[in-house]
C-alpha cells in the first residue's frame, strides 16, 4: 500500500468516528497499526493493506468520541511511519519497522 493510501485509511478512520462503536473501532485500528509495525517484509504489508480495507468496511457505521478519533489518528500516524520505513528498507537498506523505531 502506498504511503498516501495509508494516510487515506488513517484519515478516513478518524473522520468516520463521531458516536457508538468507537471503542471497538479504536482498539481494532490500534491492533492493525501494531500489526503493520511488526511486518518484516512487503508481503506482510500487502496483507495488512487488505486488513485495513476490511477495517474500513467493518467500522463504516462506527461513531465515537474525540478521544477515539485521537487514538485512531495517532495509530494511523504510527502505521504510516512503520509502513514507510519498511517500504524504504525494501528499496535498499533496513528491512524491518518496529513500533519502538517509530515511537516519538
Foldseek 3Di string as FASTA:
>chain_A
DDLVVLVVLLVLLLVQAADAPLVVLLVLLLVLLQQLQADQAVVSVVVSSVVSVVSCVVCNNHYDHNVSSVSSNVSSVSSSVQNVVCVVVVVPHHRHGHSVNSDD
